[in-house]
Amino acid sequence: MHLSDTCYILMKTIIRALLVWLVLLVLLVLVNPAASVIGDDVAYTDYATPGTIPPIEIQQGSIATSRISITNHGNLCYDANLIFQDLPPGITASPVESQTIDVGETAEYRITIHASENASVGTHIIRIADNIANDPYTWQSVELSVTTPPPPPTPMPTTRVTPIARGIPTRPTREEGAETGGMDLSIVVRVIAIIGVAIGIAAVLWRRR
């Protein structure tokens, strides 16, 4: 075999190897996007969505609670908690603990809303959503009514009641006797003594005549 034949065979082998690598590279490039599309389709065809939340009413300087459910309609498990948006001035929401929601399952979350004493009074629309990673937020609008607390109750006037003695009756004193119209014994004695002295003086004068 001549040298030229050897070089020809070597070049042919190298070209075949390059063609094989080129084909593999093209297949790898084509397969990766397809796998990505399939993965995205499997993971994000359906999302976990929050349920309807009833209106929330809260007074200034108080706390109100409500509940919301999130259902997993997808085909993967999700770790989900809640995020809040459009809270009016003076209104805050406590963080909600994350829960793992299995496929087809529903998790219930407790919402705690705090209103400061100078919170904005009126009816507001706030938004609540789950914050699952790589899941577009599904916002749920909630009506939040902030009211002023009622005024404190007016105290009722009290009437003074004199207690009634239910013990053994006692003889009234001199002042009590005078107030009730009775006559004091000492006054009677004095009147009798004055009358007696007057009669004595009159008798003496009568005899001297």
N, C-alpha and C. Protein backbone atom coordinates (compact mmCIF):
# COMPACT_ATOMS: atom_id res chain seq x y z
N MET A 1 0.87 -1.19 0.00
CA MET A 1 0.00 0.00 0.00
C MET A 1 0.90 1.23 0.00
N HIS A 2 0.56 2.10 -0.92
CA HIS A 2 1.36 3.30 -1.01
C HIS A 2 0.97 4.29 0.08
N LEU A 3 1.84 5.27 0.25
CA LEU A 3 1.61 6.29 1.27
C LEU A 3 0.37 7.10 0.95
N SER A 4 0.14 7.31 -0.31
CA SER A 4 -1.04 8.09 -0.70
C SER A 4 -2.32 7.36 -0.34
N ASP A 5 -2.32 6.02 -0.51
CA ASP A 5 -3.50 5.25 -0.12
C ASP A 5 -3.74 5.32 1.38
N THR A 6 -2.66 5.27 2.16
CA THR A 6 -2.79 5.35 3.64
C THR A 6 -3.37 6.70 4.04
N CYS A 7 -2.88 7.76 3.42
CA CYS A 7 -3.40 9.10 3.75
C CYS A 7 -4.87 9.21 3.38
N TYR A 8 -5.25 8.61 2.28
CA TYR A 8 -6.64 8.68 1.83
C TYR A 8 -7.56 7.97 2.84
N ILE A 9 -7.12 6.77 3.28
CA ILE A 9 -7.93 6.02 4.25
C ILE A 9 -8.05 6.79 5.57
N LEU A 10 -6.96 7.41 6.01
CA LEU A 10 -6.96 8.17 7.26
C LEU A 10 -7.90 9.37 7.17
N MET A 11 -7.82 10.08 6.05
CA MET A 11 -8.68 11.24 5.86
C MET A 11 -10.15 10.81 5.81
N LYS A 12 -10.41 9.67 5.16
CA LYS A 12 -11.78 9.18 5.09
C LYS A 12 -12.32 8.84 6.49
N THR A 13 -11.49 8.24 7.31
CA THR A 13 -11.90 7.89 8.69
C THR A 13 -12.19 9.14 9.51
N ILE A 14 -11.31 10.14 9.36
CA ILE A 14 -11.51 11.39 10.11
C ILE A 14 -12.79 12.08 9.68
N ILE A 15 -13.04 12.09 8.38
CA ILE A 15 -14.27 12.73 7.90
C ILE A 15 -15.50 12.02 8.41
N ARG A 16 -15.47 10.70 8.41
CA ARG A 16 -16.61 9.94 8.96
C ARG A 16 -16.84 10.26 10.44
N ALA A 17 -15.75 10.33 11.20
CA ALA A 17 -15.89 10.64 12.62
C ALA A 17 -16.47 12.04 12.83
N LEU A 18 -16.00 12.99 12.02
CA LEU A 18 -16.54 14.35 12.13
C LEU A 18 -18.02 14.40 11.78
N LEU A 19 -18.42 13.62 10.77
CA LEU A 19 -19.83 13.58 10.39
C LEU A 19 -20.69 13.00 11.52
N VAL A 20 -20.13 11.93 12.15
CA VAL A 20 -20.87 11.33 13.27
C VAL A 20 -21.05 12.33 14.41
N TRP A 21 -19.98 13.03 14.79
CA TRP A 21 -20.05 14.04 15.85
C TRP A 21 -20.99 15.18 15.48
N LEU A 22 -20.99 15.54 14.21
CA LEU A 22 -21.88 16.61 13.77
C LEU A 22 -23.34 16.21 13.90
N VAL A 23 -23.63 14.97 13.50
CA VAL A 23 -24.99 14.47 13.62
C VAL A 23 -25.42 14.43 15.09
N LEU A 24 -24.54 13.93 15.94
CA LEU A 24 -24.86 13.88 17.38
C LEU A 24 -25.09 15.27 17.95
N LEU A 25 -24.29 16.23 17.52
CA LEU A 25 -24.44 17.60 18.02
C LEU A 25 -25.77 18.20 17.60
N VAL A 26 -26.14 17.94 16.32
CA VAL A 26 -27.43 18.45 15.84
C VAL A 26 -28.58 17.82 16.62
N LEU A 27 -28.51 16.51 16.84
CA LEU A 27 -29.56 15.83 17.60
C LEU A 27 -29.65 16.36 19.03
N LEU A 28 -28.49 16.63 19.64
CA LEU A 28 -28.48 17.15 21.00
C LEU A 28 -29.14 18.52 21.07
N VAL A 29 -28.86 19.36 20.08
CA VAL A 29 -29.47 20.70 20.05
C VAL A 29 -30.97 20.61 19.85
N LEU A 30 -31.42 19.67 19.03
CA LEU A 30 -32.84 19.53 18.77
C LEU A 30 -33.59 18.91 19.93
N VAL A 31 -32.94 18.00 20.64
CA VAL A 31 -33.61 17.29 21.74
C VAL A 31 -33.77 18.19 22.96
N ASN A 32 -32.79 19.02 23.27
CA ASN A 32 -32.85 19.85 24.48
C ASN A 32 -34.04 20.80 24.50
N PRO A 33 -34.32 21.59 23.46
CA PRO A 33 -35.51 22.43 23.48
C PRO A 33 -36.79 21.63 23.61
N ALA A 34 -36.84 20.48 22.94
CA ALA A 34 -38.05 19.66 23.04
C ALA A 34 -38.27 19.20 24.46
N ALA A 35 -37.17 18.78 25.11
CA ALA A 35 -37.28 18.35 26.51
C ALA A 35 -37.70 19.50 27.39
N SER A 36 -37.17 20.69 27.08
CA SER A 36 -37.55 21.86 27.89
C SER A 36 -39.01 22.18 27.73
N VAL A 37 -39.49 22.11 26.47
CA VAL A 37 -40.91 22.38 26.23
C VAL A 37 -41.78 21.36 26.93
N ILE A 38 -41.40 20.11 26.87
CA ILE A 38 -42.18 19.06 27.53
C ILE A 38 -42.18 19.28 29.04
N GLY A 39 -41.00 19.60 29.59
CA GLY A 39 -40.91 19.82 31.03
C GLY A 39 -41.76 21.00 31.46
N ASP A 40 -41.68 22.09 30.68
CA ASP A 40 -42.49 23.25 31.02
C ASP A 40 -43.96 22.93 30.92
N ASP A 41 -44.32 22.17 29.89
CA ASP A 41 -45.72 21.84 29.71
C ASP A 41 -46.23 20.97 30.86
N VAL A 42 -45.39 20.03 31.30
CA VAL A 42 -45.80 19.16 32.39
C VAL A 42 -45.89 19.93 33.70
N ALA A 43 -44.92 20.82 33.92
CA ALA A 43 -44.87 21.50 35.21
C ALA A 43 -45.87 22.63 35.33
N TYR A 44 -46.16 23.33 34.22
CA TYR A 44 -46.90 24.58 34.34
C TYR A 44 -48.16 24.63 33.50
N THR A 45 -48.71 23.45 33.08
CA THR A 45 -49.97 23.47 32.36
C THR A 45 -51.07 24.01 33.26
N ASP A 46 -51.16 23.52 34.50
CA ASP A 46 -52.15 23.97 35.47
C ASP A 46 -51.42 24.52 36.69
N TYR A 47 -52.07 25.45 37.37
CA TYR A 47 -51.44 26.08 38.53
C TYR A 47 -52.34 25.94 39.76
N ALA A 48 -51.72 26.10 40.90
CA ALA A 48 -52.50 26.15 42.13
C ALA A 48 -53.16 27.52 42.22
N THR A 49 -54.44 27.54 42.47
CA THR A 49 -55.19 28.80 42.48
C THR A 49 -55.92 28.99 43.80
N PRO A 50 -55.97 30.21 44.32
CA PRO A 50 -56.71 30.47 45.56
C PRO A 50 -58.20 30.51 45.32
N GLY A 51 -58.96 30.11 46.34
CA GLY A 51 -60.42 30.16 46.25
C GLY A 51 -60.95 31.54 46.58
N THR A 52 -62.27 31.66 46.50
CA THR A 52 -62.93 32.94 46.79
C THR A 52 -62.82 33.26 48.28
N ILE A 53 -62.56 34.53 48.58
CA ILE A 53 -62.41 34.97 49.97
C ILE A 53 -63.60 35.87 50.30
N PRO A 54 -64.32 35.61 51.38
CA PRO A 54 -65.46 36.48 51.75
C PRO A 54 -64.96 37.85 52.19
N PRO A 55 -65.83 38.87 52.13
CA PRO A 55 -65.43 40.21 52.56
C PRO A 55 -64.95 40.21 54.02
N ILE A 56 -63.99 41.08 54.29
CA ILE A 56 -63.41 41.20 55.63
C ILE A 56 -63.78 42.56 56.19
N GLU A 57 -64.25 42.60 57.43
CA GLU A 57 -64.58 43.85 58.11
C GLU A 57 -63.72 43.97 59.36
N ILE A 58 -63.15 45.14 59.55
CA ILE A 58 -62.25 45.35 60.68
C ILE A 58 -62.42 46.77 61.22
N GLN A 59 -62.28 46.94 62.53
CA GLN A 59 -62.34 48.25 63.16
C GLN A 59 -60.94 48.81 63.36
N GLN A 60 -60.83 50.11 63.41
CA GLN A 60 -59.55 50.74 63.68
C GLN A 60 -59.01 50.24 65.03
N GLY A 61 -57.72 49.94 65.07
CA GLY A 61 -57.09 49.47 66.31
C GLY A 61 -57.44 48.05 66.69
N SER A 62 -57.83 47.22 65.73
CA SER A 62 -58.22 45.84 66.06
C SER A 62 -57.61 44.87 65.06
N ILE A 63 -57.95 43.59 65.22
CA ILE A 63 -57.44 42.51 64.38
C ILE A 63 -58.63 41.72 63.84
N ALA A 64 -58.55 41.33 62.59
CA ALA A 64 -59.59 40.49 61.97
C ALA A 64 -58.93 39.29 61.30
N THR A 65 -59.63 38.18 61.27
CA THR A 65 -59.10 36.96 60.66
C THR A 65 -60.07 36.46 59.60
N SER A 66 -59.52 35.75 58.63
CA SER A 66 -60.32 35.11 57.59
C SER A 66 -59.57 33.88 57.11
N ARG A 67 -60.16 33.14 56.22
CA ARG A 67 -59.53 31.92 55.71
C ARG A 67 -59.61 31.89 54.18
N ILE A 68 -58.60 31.28 53.58
CA ILE A 68 -58.55 31.12 52.13
C ILE A 68 -57.98 29.74 51.82
N SER A 69 -58.52 29.12 50.79
CA SER A 69 -58.04 27.79 50.38
C SER A 69 -57.32 27.89 49.05
N ILE A 70 -56.29 27.06 48.88
CA ILE A 70 -55.56 26.97 47.62
C ILE A 70 -55.60 25.52 47.15
N THR A 71 -56.05 25.32 45.92
CA THR A 71 -56.18 23.98 45.35
C THR A 71 -55.12 23.77 44.28
N ASN A 72 -54.47 22.62 44.34
CA ASN A 72 -53.43 22.27 43.37
C ASN A 72 -54.08 21.55 42.19
N HIS A 73 -54.21 22.26 41.06
CA HIS A 73 -54.81 21.67 39.86
C HIS A 73 -53.74 21.08 38.93
N GLY A 74 -52.49 21.19 39.30
CA GLY A 74 -51.42 20.73 38.43
C GLY A 74 -51.09 19.27 38.65
N ASN A 75 -49.93 18.88 38.14
CA ASN A 75 -49.49 17.50 38.30
C ASN A 75 -48.13 17.43 38.97
N LEU A 76 -47.82 18.44 39.81
CA LEU A 76 -46.63 18.46 40.65
C LEU A 76 -47.02 18.94 42.03
N CYS A 77 -46.20 18.60 43.02
CA CYS A 77 -46.40 19.14 44.36
C CYS A 77 -45.83 20.57 44.41
N TYR A 78 -46.49 21.43 45.19
CA TYR A 78 -46.05 22.82 45.30
C TYR A 78 -45.90 23.21 46.76
N ASP A 79 -44.90 24.04 47.04
CA ASP A 79 -44.78 24.71 48.34
C ASP A 79 -45.34 26.11 48.15
N ALA A 80 -46.39 26.43 48.90
CA ALA A 80 -47.08 27.71 48.65
C ALA A 80 -47.39 28.42 49.96
N ASN A 81 -47.18 29.74 49.94
CA ASN A 81 -47.75 30.60 50.97
C ASN A 81 -48.40 31.77 50.27
N LEU A 82 -48.76 32.82 50.99
CA LEU A 82 -49.55 33.90 50.43
C LEU A 82 -48.78 35.21 50.39
N ILE A 83 -49.13 36.05 49.43
CA ILE A 83 -48.62 37.41 49.36
C ILE A 83 -49.81 38.36 49.22
N PHE A 84 -49.62 39.60 49.69
CA PHE A 84 -50.70 40.59 49.71
C PHE A 84 -50.29 41.80 48.89
N GLN A 85 -51.28 42.46 48.32
CA GLN A 85 -51.02 43.64 47.50
C GLN A 85 -52.18 44.63 47.68
N ASP A 86 -51.85 45.92 47.49
CA ASP A 86 -52.84 47.01 47.56
C ASP A 86 -53.43 47.15 48.96
N LEU A 87 -52.64 46.91 50.00
CA LEU A 87 -53.12 47.15 51.36
C LEU A 87 -53.21 48.65 51.60
N PRO A 88 -54.33 49.16 52.14
CA PRO A 88 -54.47 50.60 52.38
C PRO A 88 -53.58 51.05 53.54
N PRO A 89 -53.38 52.36 53.70
CA PRO A 89 -52.54 52.87 54.80
C PRO A 89 -53.08 52.42 56.15
N GLY A 90 -52.17 51.98 57.01
CA GLY A 90 -52.54 51.54 58.36
C GLY A 90 -52.97 50.09 58.44
N ILE A 91 -52.97 49.36 57.33
CA ILE A 91 -53.38 47.95 57.30
C ILE A 91 -52.16 47.10 56.99
N THR A 92 -51.93 46.08 57.83
CA THR A 92 -50.85 45.13 57.59
C THR A 92 -51.40 43.71 57.70
N ALA A 93 -50.67 42.76 57.12
CA ALA A 93 -51.07 41.35 57.16
C ALA A 93 -49.93 40.53 57.73
N SER A 94 -50.25 39.62 58.63
CA SER A 94 -49.24 38.76 59.22
C SER A 94 -48.74 37.75 58.17
N PRO A 95 -47.45 37.39 58.24
CA PRO A 95 -46.95 36.36 57.30
C PRO A 95 -47.71 35.05 57.47
N VAL A 96 -47.89 34.35 56.38
CA VAL A 96 -48.61 33.07 56.37
C VAL A 96 -47.60 31.95 56.18
N GLU A 97 -47.70 30.92 57.00
CA GLU A 97 -46.76 29.80 56.93
C GLU A 97 -46.96 29.00 55.65
N SER A 98 -45.85 28.65 55.02
CA SER A 98 -45.90 27.89 53.77
C SER A 98 -46.39 26.46 54.03
N GLN A 99 -47.12 25.93 53.05
CA GLN A 99 -47.60 24.55 53.11
C GLN A 99 -47.28 23.85 51.79
N THR A 100 -47.05 22.54 51.90
CA THR A 100 -46.84 21.72 50.70
C THR A 100 -48.18 21.15 50.27
N ILE A 101 -48.57 21.44 49.02
CA ILE A 101 -49.86 21.00 48.50
C ILE A 101 -49.62 19.89 47.48
N ASP A 102 -50.13 18.71 47.77
CA ASP A 102 -50.00 17.58 46.85
C ASP A 102 -50.92 17.76 45.65
N VAL A 103 -50.69 16.94 44.64
CA VAL A 103 -51.49 17.00 43.42
C VAL A 103 -52.96 16.70 43.75
N GLY A 104 -53.84 17.59 43.32
CA GLY A 104 -55.27 17.41 43.54
C GLY A 104 -55.74 17.75 44.94
N GLU A 105 -54.84 18.19 45.82
CA GLU A 105 -55.21 18.49 47.20
C GLU A 105 -55.50 19.99 47.37
N THR A 106 -56.16 20.32 48.50
CA THR A 106 -56.49 21.70 48.84
C THR A 106 -55.95 22.01 50.24
N ALA A 107 -55.25 23.11 50.37
CA ALA A 107 -54.73 23.55 51.66
C ALA A 107 -55.47 24.81 52.10
N GLU A 108 -55.70 24.93 53.40
CA GLU A 108 -56.41 26.09 53.94
C GLU A 108 -55.44 26.95 54.73
N TYR A 109 -55.52 28.25 54.51
CA TYR A 109 -54.64 29.21 55.16
C TYR A 109 -55.48 30.19 55.99
N ARG A 110 -54.91 30.57 57.13
CA ARG A 110 -55.58 31.57 57.98
C ARG A 110 -54.93 32.93 57.75
N ILE A 111 -55.75 33.92 57.43
CA ILE A 111 -55.28 35.27 57.17
C ILE A 111 -55.54 36.12 58.41
N THR A 112 -54.54 36.88 58.85
CA THR A 112 -54.68 37.78 59.98
C THR A 112 -54.37 39.21 59.53
N ILE A 113 -55.36 40.08 59.65
CA ILE A 113 -55.24 41.48 59.22
C ILE A 113 -55.19 42.37 60.46
N HIS A 114 -54.24 43.30 60.49
CA HIS A 114 -54.10 44.25 61.60
C HIS A 114 -54.44 45.65 61.10
N ALA A 115 -55.24 46.38 61.87
CA ALA A 115 -55.59 47.76 61.54
C ALA A 115 -55.09 48.68 62.66
N SER A 116 -54.32 49.70 62.31
CA SER A 116 -53.86 50.65 63.31
C SER A 116 -55.02 51.57 63.70
N GLU A 117 -54.80 52.36 64.75
CA GLU A 117 -55.86 53.25 65.23
C GLU A 117 -56.17 54.36 64.24
N ASN A 118 -55.24 54.67 63.35
CA ASN A 118 -55.48 55.70 62.34
C ASN A 118 -55.55 55.11 60.93
N ALA A 119 -55.97 53.84 60.84
CA ALA A 119 -56.11 53.20 59.53
C ALA A 119 -57.16 53.94 58.70
N SER A 120 -56.98 53.91 57.40
CA SER A 120 -57.88 54.61 56.48
C SER A 120 -59.27 53.99 56.51
N VAL A 121 -60.26 54.78 56.91
CA VAL A 121 -61.63 54.29 57.02
C VAL A 121 -62.26 54.23 55.63
N GLY A 122 -63.04 53.18 55.39
CA GLY A 122 -63.73 53.03 54.11
C GLY A 122 -63.64 51.61 53.61
N THR A 123 -64.12 51.40 52.39
CA THR A 123 -64.10 50.08 51.76
C THR A 123 -62.96 50.05 50.74
N HIS A 124 -62.08 49.08 50.90
CA HIS A 124 -60.90 48.96 50.04
C HIS A 124 -60.91 47.59 49.37
N ILE A 125 -60.23 47.48 48.26
CA ILE A 125 -60.05 46.21 47.56
C ILE A 125 -58.58 45.83 47.64
N ILE A 126 -58.30 44.74 48.36
CA ILE A 126 -56.95 44.22 48.43
C ILE A 126 -56.85 42.96 47.58
N ARG A 127 -55.63 42.56 47.28
CA ARG A 127 -55.43 41.37 46.44
C ARG A 127 -54.51 40.38 47.15
N ILE A 128 -54.87 39.10 47.03
CA ILE A 128 -54.13 38.02 47.67
C ILE A 128 -53.83 36.96 46.63
N ALA A 129 -52.62 36.42 46.66
CA ALA A 129 -52.24 35.37 45.70
C ALA A 129 -51.27 34.41 46.37
N ASP A 130 -51.13 33.22 45.76
CA ASP A 130 -50.08 32.29 46.19
C ASP A 130 -48.79 32.69 45.49
N ASN A 131 -47.66 32.39 46.11
CA ASN A 131 -46.36 32.76 45.50
C ASN A 131 -45.53 31.51 45.20
N ILE A 132 -46.14 30.56 44.54
CA ILE A 132 -45.42 29.36 44.13
C ILE A 132 -44.33 29.74 43.12
N ALA A 133 -43.15 29.16 43.28
CA ALA A 133 -42.04 29.47 42.39
C ALA A 133 -42.38 29.10 40.95
N ASN A 134 -42.02 30.00 40.03
CA ASN A 134 -42.23 29.80 38.59
C ASN A 134 -43.70 29.66 38.21
N ASP A 135 -44.58 30.09 39.10
CA ASP A 135 -46.02 30.02 38.84
C ASP A 135 -46.53 31.45 38.74
N PRO A 136 -47.11 31.85 37.61
CA PRO A 136 -47.65 33.21 37.55
C PRO A 136 -48.72 33.41 38.61
N TYR A 137 -48.67 34.56 39.28
CA TYR A 137 -49.59 34.81 40.39
C TYR A 137 -51.03 34.81 39.89
N THR A 138 -51.89 34.12 40.64
CA THR A 138 -53.32 34.15 40.39
C THR A 138 -53.93 35.00 41.51
N TRP A 139 -54.17 36.28 41.21
CA TRP A 139 -54.63 37.20 42.25
C TRP A 139 -56.12 37.03 42.51
N GLN A 140 -56.48 37.12 43.78
CA GLN A 140 -57.88 37.06 44.19
C GLN A 140 -58.20 38.37 44.91
N SER A 141 -59.20 39.10 44.41
CA SER A 141 -59.58 40.38 45.01
C SER A 141 -60.48 40.14 46.22
N VAL A 142 -60.25 40.93 47.28
CA VAL A 142 -61.00 40.80 48.54
C VAL A 142 -61.47 42.18 48.96
N GLU A 143 -62.72 42.28 49.38
CA GLU A 143 -63.27 43.55 49.87
C GLU A 143 -62.94 43.68 51.36
N LEU A 144 -62.27 44.77 51.71
CA LEU A 144 -61.88 45.04 53.10
C LEU A 144 -62.53 46.34 53.55
N SER A 145 -63.39 46.25 54.57
CA SER A 145 -64.08 47.43 55.12
C SER A 145 -63.46 47.79 56.46
N VAL A 146 -62.99 49.04 56.56
CA VAL A 146 -62.40 49.55 57.79
C VAL A 146 -63.38 50.55 58.40
N THR A 147 -63.77 50.32 59.64
CA THR A 147 -64.75 51.17 60.31
C THR A 147 -64.15 51.74 61.59
N THR A 148 -64.81 52.78 62.10
CA THR A 148 -64.39 53.37 63.39
C THR A 148 -65.03 52.57 64.52
N PRO A 149 -64.34 52.44 65.64
CA PRO A 149 -64.94 51.70 66.76
C PRO A 149 -66.11 52.47 67.34
N PRO A 150 -67.10 51.80 67.93
CA PRO A 150 -68.24 52.50 68.53
C PRO A 150 -67.80 53.31 69.74
N PRO A 151 -68.51 54.43 70.05
CA PRO A 151 -68.14 55.22 71.23
C PRO A 151 -68.39 54.43 72.50
N PRO A 152 -67.64 54.75 73.56
CA PRO A 152 -67.86 54.03 74.83
C PRO A 152 -69.24 54.32 75.38
N PRO A 153 -69.87 53.38 76.07
CA PRO A 153 -71.22 53.59 76.61
C PRO A 153 -71.24 54.69 77.66
N THR A 154 -72.34 55.50 77.67
CA THR A 154 -72.50 56.56 78.67
C THR A 154 -72.92 55.94 79.99
N PRO A 155 -72.20 56.26 81.08
CA PRO A 155 -72.58 55.67 82.37
C PRO A 155 -73.93 56.19 82.84
N MET A 156 -74.76 55.32 83.39
CA MET A 156 -76.08 55.69 83.89
C MET A 156 -75.95 56.41 85.23
N PRO A 157 -76.77 57.50 85.47
CA PRO A 157 -76.70 58.19 86.77
C PRO A 157 -77.16 57.28 87.88
N THR A 158 -76.49 57.38 89.00
CA THR A 158 -76.83 56.54 90.15
C THR A 158 -77.65 57.33 91.16
N THR A 159 -78.67 56.73 91.74
CA THR A 159 -79.54 57.34 92.76
C THR A 159 -79.15 56.83 94.13
N ARG A 160 -78.91 57.81 95.06
CA ARG A 160 -78.50 57.42 96.40
C ARG A 160 -79.71 56.91 97.16
N VAL A 161 -79.59 55.74 97.71
CA VAL A 161 -80.67 55.11 98.46
C VAL A 161 -80.27 55.03 99.92
N THR A 162 -81.15 55.59 100.81
CA THR A 162 -80.89 55.54 102.25
C THR A 162 -81.30 54.18 102.78
N PRO A 163 -80.39 53.48 103.41
CA PRO A 163 -80.75 52.15 103.93
C PRO A 163 -81.78 52.24 105.04
N ILE A 164 -82.65 51.26 105.10
CA ILE A 164 -83.69 51.19 106.12
C ILE A 164 -83.22 50.28 107.24
N ALA A 165 -83.20 50.86 108.50
CA ALA A 165 -82.78 50.06 109.66
C ALA A 165 -83.86 49.07 110.00
N ARG A 166 -83.47 47.85 110.19
CA ARG A 166 -84.42 46.79 110.52
C ARG A 166 -84.13 46.18 111.89
N GLY A 167 -83.40 46.95 112.76
CA GLY A 167 -83.09 46.44 114.08
C GLY A 167 -84.17 46.82 115.10
N ILE A 168 -83.82 46.77 116.39
CA ILE A 168 -84.75 47.10 117.48
C ILE A 168 -84.90 48.61 117.53
N PRO A 169 -86.16 49.13 117.54
CA PRO A 169 -86.35 50.59 117.59
C PRO A 169 -85.81 51.16 118.91
N THR A 170 -85.22 52.32 118.84
CA THR A 170 -84.67 53.00 120.02
C THR A 170 -85.42 54.30 120.24
N ARG A 171 -85.35 54.80 121.52
CA ARG A 171 -86.02 56.06 121.86
C ARG A 171 -85.34 57.20 121.14
N PRO A 172 -86.10 58.07 120.49
CA PRO A 172 -85.49 59.20 119.78
C PRO A 172 -84.80 60.15 120.74
N THR A 173 -83.72 60.73 120.28
CA THR A 173 -83.01 61.73 121.09
C THR A 173 -83.79 63.02 121.11
N ARG A 174 -83.22 64.04 121.78
CA ARG A 174 -83.90 65.32 121.89
C ARG A 174 -84.13 65.95 120.53
N GLU A 175 -83.11 65.92 119.70
CA GLU A 175 -83.27 66.50 118.37
C GLU A 175 -84.28 65.72 117.56
N GLU A 176 -84.19 64.35 117.64
CA GLU A 176 -85.13 63.53 116.89
C GLU A 176 -86.54 63.77 117.35
N GLY A 177 -86.73 63.95 118.70
CA GLY A 177 -88.06 64.22 119.23
C GLY A 177 -88.60 65.54 118.73
N ALA A 178 -87.73 66.55 118.64
CA ALA A 178 -88.18 67.85 118.15
C ALA A 178 -88.55 67.78 116.70
N GLU A 179 -87.76 67.03 115.90
CA GLU A 179 -88.04 66.94 114.48
C GLU A 179 -89.35 66.22 114.22
N THR A 180 -89.69 65.23 115.07
CA THR A 180 -90.91 64.45 114.85
C THR A 180 -92.12 65.08 115.52
N GLY A 181 -91.96 66.23 116.16
CA GLY A 181 -93.12 66.91 116.75
C GLY A 181 -93.38 66.54 118.18
N GLY A 182 -92.60 65.65 118.82
CA GLY A 182 -92.79 65.31 120.21
C GLY A 182 -92.27 66.41 121.15
N MET A 183 -92.67 66.39 122.42
CA MET A 183 -92.26 67.40 123.39
C MET A 183 -91.25 66.81 124.36
N ASP A 184 -90.17 67.53 124.61
CA ASP A 184 -89.12 67.06 125.49
C ASP A 184 -89.60 67.11 126.93
N LEU A 185 -89.23 66.11 127.75
CA LEU A 185 -89.66 66.02 129.15
C LEU A 185 -89.15 67.20 129.97
N SER A 186 -87.95 67.67 129.71
CA SER A 186 -87.41 68.79 130.50
C SER A 186 -88.20 70.07 130.27
N ILE A 187 -88.71 70.23 129.03
CA ILE A 187 -89.53 71.43 128.78
C ILE A 187 -90.81 71.37 129.59
N VAL A 188 -91.43 70.21 129.72
CA VAL A 188 -92.66 70.05 130.50
C VAL A 188 -92.41 70.39 131.96
N VAL A 189 -91.28 69.91 132.47
CA VAL A 189 -90.96 70.18 133.88
C VAL A 189 -90.78 71.68 134.10
N ARG A 190 -90.12 72.35 133.19
CA ARG A 190 -89.90 73.79 133.33
C ARG A 190 -91.20 74.56 133.30
N VAL A 191 -92.11 74.16 132.39
CA VAL A 191 -93.40 74.85 132.31
C VAL A 191 -94.18 74.68 133.61
N ILE A 192 -94.16 73.47 134.17
CA ILE A 192 -94.88 73.22 135.43
C ILE A 192 -94.27 74.05 136.57
N ALA A 193 -92.92 74.12 136.58
CA ALA A 193 -92.26 74.89 137.65
C ALA A 193 -92.60 76.36 137.54
N ILE A 194 -92.61 76.88 136.30
CA ILE A 194 -92.95 78.31 136.13
C ILE A 194 -94.37 78.58 136.56
N ILE A 195 -95.29 77.66 136.18
CA ILE A 195 -96.70 77.84 136.58
C ILE A 195 -96.83 77.80 138.10
N GLY A 196 -96.12 76.87 138.74
CA GLY A 196 -96.18 76.75 140.19
C GLY A 196 -95.66 78.01 140.88
N VAL A 197 -94.53 78.55 140.37
CA VAL A 197 -94.00 79.79 140.96
C VAL A 197 -94.97 80.93 140.79
N ALA A 198 -95.59 81.01 139.61
CA ALA A 198 -96.55 82.09 139.37
C ALA A 198 -97.74 81.98 140.32
N ILE A 199 -98.23 80.75 140.55
CA ILE A 199 -99.36 80.55 141.45
C ILE A 199 -98.97 80.94 142.88
N GLY A 200 -97.73 80.57 143.28
CA GLY A 200 -97.28 80.92 144.64
C GLY A 200 -97.21 82.44 144.82
N ILE A 201 -96.66 83.12 143.84
CA ILE A 201 -96.55 84.60 143.94
C ILE A 201 -97.93 85.22 144.01
N ALA A 202 -98.85 84.70 143.19
CA ALA A 202 -100.22 85.22 143.20
C ALA A 202 -100.88 84.99 144.55
N ALA A 203 -100.66 83.83 145.15
CA ALA A 203 -101.28 83.54 146.48
C ALA A 203 -100.74 84.46 147.53
N VAL A 204 -99.40 84.72 147.50
CA VAL A 204 -98.80 85.63 148.51
C VAL A 204 -99.40 87.03 148.36
N LEU A 205 -99.49 87.51 147.17
CA LEU A 205 -100.04 88.85 146.94
C LEU A 205 -101.51 88.90 147.35
N TRP A 206 -102.24 87.85 147.18
CA TRP A 206 -103.65 87.84 147.53
C TRP A 206 -103.83 87.93 149.04
N ARG A 207 -102.98 87.24 149.79
CA ARG A 207 -103.07 87.26 151.23
C ARG A 207 -102.73 88.64 151.80
N ARG A 208 -101.81 89.35 151.18
CA ARG A 208 -101.44 90.67 151.69
C ARG A 208 -102.57 91.67 151.48
N ARG A 209 -103.48 91.44 150.62
CA ARG A 209 -104.60 92.34 150.47
C ARG A 209 -105.57 92.11 151.62
